[in-house]
Amino acid sequence: MKAVVIDAPGGPEVLRLVTRPVPAARPGWVRIRVRAFGLNRSELFTRQGHSPSVSFPRILGIEAVGEVVDAPDGAFTPGQTVATAMGGMGRAFDGGYAEYTCVPVGQVQAVETRLSWEALAALPEMLQTAWGSLHTALQLAAGQTLLIRGGTTSVGLAAAALARAHGATVLATTRRPERADGLRAQGADRVFIDDGAIAEAVLDAYPHGVDRVLELVGTATLLDSLQTAAHHGIVCMTGIVGNRWDLERFVPMEMIPSAVYLTSYGGDVDDFMRTPLNDLIARIEQGTLSIRTGPVFDLDAIVEAHRTMEANRAGGKIVVRVP
């Protein structure tokens, strides 16, 4: 089979398209013919060498969609359309950047859809992260105000659509003024241009603060985001697109406003399996939920796909198809 292998961390050029044996499915696992997969920033971080638990060589990829080839335990039938994500894919064992992948049966969802492989591949991890952040971590309720810090990320765009459909008032940020209209089209009621310090502008518009904050930029803006939250508001740090992993000096009593709650959402295999993927896909097919996607690359263009992700040029979820 064709597979993209990384032998050592580095730039996009370390991703090599090679020929590998097709993996065999052992009991408790499922072999999937991969038809497409989405790209994720966690894969970028692993490629750059920021995942010390990952050993090399490794086939990256924390998600994939395709067809079941073999399921020794009989949990799935050959030819069945499935999606898989998380659970050690691309980290503890080889992931989705290949024509075939083998994954534990407990991290596979059967999917019924008319969507193309490319459209379907954009959804599993993106929806899992957006849905889980909103409903598991933030406990978002209809009528509340939600600020999405990093609104033009793929997760931010998905979260905006999900939150608007849930009945929330959606505020979103972008560093680029030319992207504001795209955020409004995706469901944002108001857009703030982010210069790294937006708390004053948000509080001018919402003097009592906002009910919920989804932090996708990360520690680079987290302290400022905390200042935008209302009394008993919740701030959830989910993303780190700002490429800062920690805070040099964190003094909770000084930096977390009184009665503001700070949490995080990482998403694991259980979260993926709890995500109502088929229900969300049905809403997309019916036109009641709009999910914005980015460019599509072929497997042999994986290097360019990673360059696009690293440069934040996508404007939506990047997908790689596997012919």
Foldseek 3Di string as FASTA:
>chain_A
DWAFWAAAADALVSTDTDDDDQDDEDAQKWKFQFFKAFDDVVQVCVNNPNQVQAHDGAGAGFKTWGFTDDHPVPPDDGGFTKIFGFPQDRGVHHHDLGRMDMDGPLGIDGADAPDDRQVLNQPQVLLLLLVCCQCVVQVDAAPFEEEEEPLLELNNLQNQLVNVLRRYAYEYEECDPVCQVVSVVSHHPYYDNDPLACQVVLCVVVVQAGQEYEAACPPSNVLNNLSRHHQLHEYEDEHNVVPDDDDPDDDPVPRHPPNYHYYYDDDHSVSSVPRPSRVVNVCVVVVNTDRDAWEEAESVCSSVLSVCVNVVPTSHIYMYGYD
